[in-house]
Amino acid sequence: LIVLNKIVLALFKAPGVLCYFNPNGEVLRDGDSFRDHEKSCREQEIIPLELWANIRFLHVNEAIWFMDTVGNAQLDLQDVEAFYPKDKYKAEDIDHYLRNVTLYLMSLDRTLQSGEEIDGPGEGDLSWTMDILEQGAIEPPRHIVRLYPKGLGEDVKKALEAVGRV
């Protein structure tokens, strides 16, 4: 993907090139935002996840919201989805959290197990639970890591049942 970024940067110099689209990660970027983000990540020596994988947001019901990654398979990783109470967390914090969990998955040298605990966004007390599943809550079909605050499991299950998913 780093090599692909270099190719994209070169293509942006060609006349008529308007944007970059990565269908595997559902990412669409114009030239300026692509260059700015790629440069910033290169200078900070971090991988440019936002150029490869997108974060999506859904309103599940009045109490629970949902965000997920799409595109982590390009990194040979599961996508990550988070169900969270809207009154406790901000969407931008969950966005950042999902990116951090992706980086955490990249560093693992073991297989995750359903029921494991993980720190929540901005937290350090293993306050969230993870489920390892063959299918996510929404398309596309893919293996996922589902995250939610401890004690919210039944609410997540009910919310998924209400929209025809389990």
Protein backbone atom coordinates (compact mmCIF):
# COMPACT_ATOMS: atom_id res chain seq x y z
CA LEU A 1 0.00 0.00 0.00
CA ILE A 2 2.94 2.34 0.57
CA VAL A 3 4.02 1.68 -3.04
CA LEU A 4 0.45 2.33 -4.17
CA ASN A 5 0.56 5.69 -2.40
CA LYS A 6 3.68 6.63 -4.37
CA ILE A 7 1.93 5.68 -7.61
CA VAL A 8 -1.13 7.74 -6.66
CA LEU A 9 1.06 10.76 -5.87
CA ALA A 10 2.68 10.43 -9.30
CA LEU A 11 -0.71 10.07 -11.02
CA PHE A 12 -2.01 13.24 -9.38
CA LYS A 13 0.58 15.12 -11.49
CA ALA A 14 -1.11 13.94 -14.71
CA PRO A 15 -3.62 16.30 -16.33
CA GLY A 16 -7.25 15.51 -15.58
CA VAL A 17 -6.71 13.36 -12.50
CA LEU A 18 -9.28 14.54 -9.97
CA CYS A 19 -9.24 12.04 -7.15
CA TYR A 20 -8.10 8.76 -5.67
CA PHE A 21 -10.62 6.02 -4.96
CA ASN A 22 -9.79 2.87 -3.03
CA PRO A 23 -12.85 0.62 -3.42
CA ASN A 24 -11.56 -1.95 -0.90
CA GLY A 25 -11.49 0.69 1.81
CA GLU A 26 -14.30 2.89 0.47
CA VAL A 27 -11.91 5.86 0.52
CA LEU A 28 -12.25 8.83 -1.82
CA ARG A 29 -9.68 11.67 -1.66
CA ASP A 30 -8.90 14.67 -3.79
CA GLY A 31 -5.28 15.42 -4.61
CA ASP A 32 -4.67 18.04 -1.94
CA SER A 33 -6.10 16.02 0.94
CA PHE A 34 -4.30 12.87 -0.24
CA ARG A 35 -0.94 14.69 -0.47
CA ASP A 36 -1.43 16.44 2.87
CA HIS A 37 -2.35 13.28 4.72
CA GLU A 38 0.39 11.18 3.10
CA LYS A 39 3.01 13.84 3.90
CA SER A 40 1.86 14.23 7.50
CA CYS A 41 1.96 10.46 8.09
CA ARG A 42 5.38 10.14 6.45
CA GLU A 43 6.78 12.94 8.65
CA GLN A 44 5.30 11.35 11.78
CA GLU A 45 6.48 7.90 10.67
CA ILE A 46 3.01 6.38 10.98
CA ILE A 47 1.05 4.40 8.44
CA PRO A 48 -1.63 6.36 6.54
CA LEU A 49 -4.63 4.24 7.56
CA GLU A 50 -7.07 6.95 6.50
CA LEU A 51 -5.91 6.57 2.88
CA TRP A 52 -6.62 2.83 2.89
CA ALA A 53 -9.58 2.18 5.20
CA ASN A 54 -12.69 4.19 5.95
CA ILE A 55 -14.77 4.63 9.09
CA ARG A 56 -18.54 4.45 8.69
CA PHE A 57 -21.17 5.72 11.12
CA LEU A 58 -24.76 4.53 11.70
CA HIS A 59 -27.48 5.55 14.11
CA VAL A 60 -28.74 2.17 15.43
CA ASN A 61 -31.40 3.49 17.81
CA GLU A 62 -31.90 6.38 20.23
CA ALA A 63 -29.41 5.04 22.77
CA ILE A 64 -26.81 3.11 20.75
CA TRP A 65 -24.71 4.24 17.83
CA PHE A 66 -22.41 2.22 15.62
CA MET A 67 -19.14 2.81 13.77
CA ASP A 68 -16.97 0.40 11.81
CA THR A 69 -13.88 0.18 9.67
CA VAL A 70 -13.96 -1.09 6.10
CA GLY A 71 -10.76 -1.99 4.30
CA ASN A 72 -8.63 -3.62 6.98
CA ALA A 73 -8.47 -6.81 4.88
CA GLN A 74 -5.90 -4.97 2.74
CA LEU A 75 -3.66 -5.21 5.81
CA ASP A 76 -4.61 -8.87 6.42
CA LEU A 77 -6.64 -7.76 9.45
CA GLN A 78 -10.24 -8.04 10.54
CA ASP A 79 -12.38 -4.96 10.30
CA VAL A 80 -13.46 -3.49 13.62
CA GLU A 81 -16.93 -2.37 14.66
CA ALA A 82 -17.97 -0.55 17.80
CA PHE A 83 -21.38 -0.20 19.40
CA TYR A 84 -21.50 2.53 22.00
CA PRO A 85 -23.96 4.63 24.04
CA LYS A 86 -24.30 7.96 22.26
CA ASP A 87 -24.56 9.89 25.52
CA LYS A 88 -21.19 8.66 26.80
CA TYR A 89 -18.85 8.88 23.77
CA LYS A 90 -18.27 11.32 20.93
CA ALA A 91 -18.17 10.00 17.36
CA GLU A 92 -14.72 11.52 16.76
CA ASP A 93 -13.37 9.66 19.81
CA ILE A 94 -14.75 6.36 18.50
CA ASP A 95 -13.24 7.11 15.05
CA HIS A 96 -9.83 7.59 16.67
CA TYR A 97 -10.40 4.49 18.82
CA LEU A 98 -11.13 2.29 15.79
CA ARG A 99 -7.90 3.46 14.13
CA ASN A 100 -5.96 2.69 17.33
CA VAL A 101 -7.52 -0.76 17.61
CA THR A 102 -6.47 -1.42 14.00
CA LEU A 103 -2.90 -0.49 14.91
CA TYR A 104 -3.16 -2.75 17.96
CA LEU A 105 -4.32 -5.64 15.74
CA MET A 106 -1.30 -5.05 13.49
CA SER A 107 1.03 -5.51 16.45
CA LEU A 108 -0.50 -8.74 17.77
CA ASP A 109 1.25 -12.05 17.40
CA ARG A 110 -1.69 -14.12 18.62
CA THR A 111 -5.30 -14.83 17.72
CA LEU A 112 -7.96 -12.86 19.56
CA GLN A 113 -10.74 -14.69 21.39
CA SER A 114 -14.36 -13.64 21.93
CA GLY A 115 -14.94 -12.35 25.43
CA GLU A 116 -11.52 -10.75 25.78
CA GLU A 117 -11.46 -7.34 27.40
CA ILE A 118 -9.87 -4.25 25.90
CA ASP A 119 -9.39 -0.63 26.92
CA GLY A 120 -12.16 1.66 25.70
CA PRO A 121 -11.59 4.97 23.92
CA GLY A 122 -9.38 7.18 26.07
CA GLU A 123 -9.58 4.63 28.87
CA GLY A 124 -7.06 2.31 30.48
CA ASP A 125 -9.16 -0.09 32.52
CA LEU A 126 -10.22 -2.92 30.16
CA SER A 127 -13.73 -1.49 30.12
CA TRP A 128 -14.83 -2.92 26.72
CA THR A 129 -15.55 -6.44 25.49
CA MET A 130 -14.67 -7.92 22.11
CA ASP A 131 -16.41 -10.56 20.06
CA ILE A 132 -14.68 -12.25 17.12
CA LEU A 133 -17.27 -12.90 14.42
CA GLU A 134 -17.51 -14.32 10.91
CA GLN A 135 -19.96 -11.60 9.83
CA GLY A 136 -20.27 -7.93 10.69
CA ALA A 137 -23.44 -5.99 11.42
CA ILE A 138 -23.49 -4.46 7.93
CA GLU A 139 -22.12 -5.19 4.45
CA PRO A 140 -19.68 -6.07 3.02
CA PRO A 141 -19.37 -9.64 4.31
CA ARG A 142 -16.15 -9.99 6.29
CA HIS A 143 -14.64 -11.20 9.55
CA ILE A 144 -14.81 -8.57 12.25
CA VAL A 145 -13.85 -7.70 15.79
CA ARG A 146 -16.94 -6.28 17.51
CA LEU A 147 -16.31 -3.96 20.47
CA TYR A 148 -18.73 -2.57 23.03
CA PRO A 149 -18.61 -1.33 26.62
CA LYS A 150 -18.95 -4.02 29.29
CA GLY A 151 -22.57 -4.47 30.28
CA LEU A 152 -23.89 -3.34 26.89
CA GLY A 153 -23.92 -6.83 25.32
CA GLU A 154 -27.67 -7.42 25.65
CA ASP A 155 -28.48 -3.94 24.33
CA VAL A 156 -26.24 -4.55 21.31
CA LYS A 157 -27.93 -7.91 20.68
CA LYS A 158 -31.42 -6.32 20.86
CA ALA A 159 -30.35 -3.49 18.55
CA LEU A 160 -29.01 -5.98 16.00
CA GLU A 161 -32.18 -8.09 16.20
CA ALA A 162 -34.26 -4.97 15.57
CA VAL A 163 -32.49 -4.43 12.24
CA GLY A 164 -32.49 -8.12 11.30
CA ARG A 165 -28.86 -8.94 12.21
CA VAL A 166 -27.39 -10.97 15.04
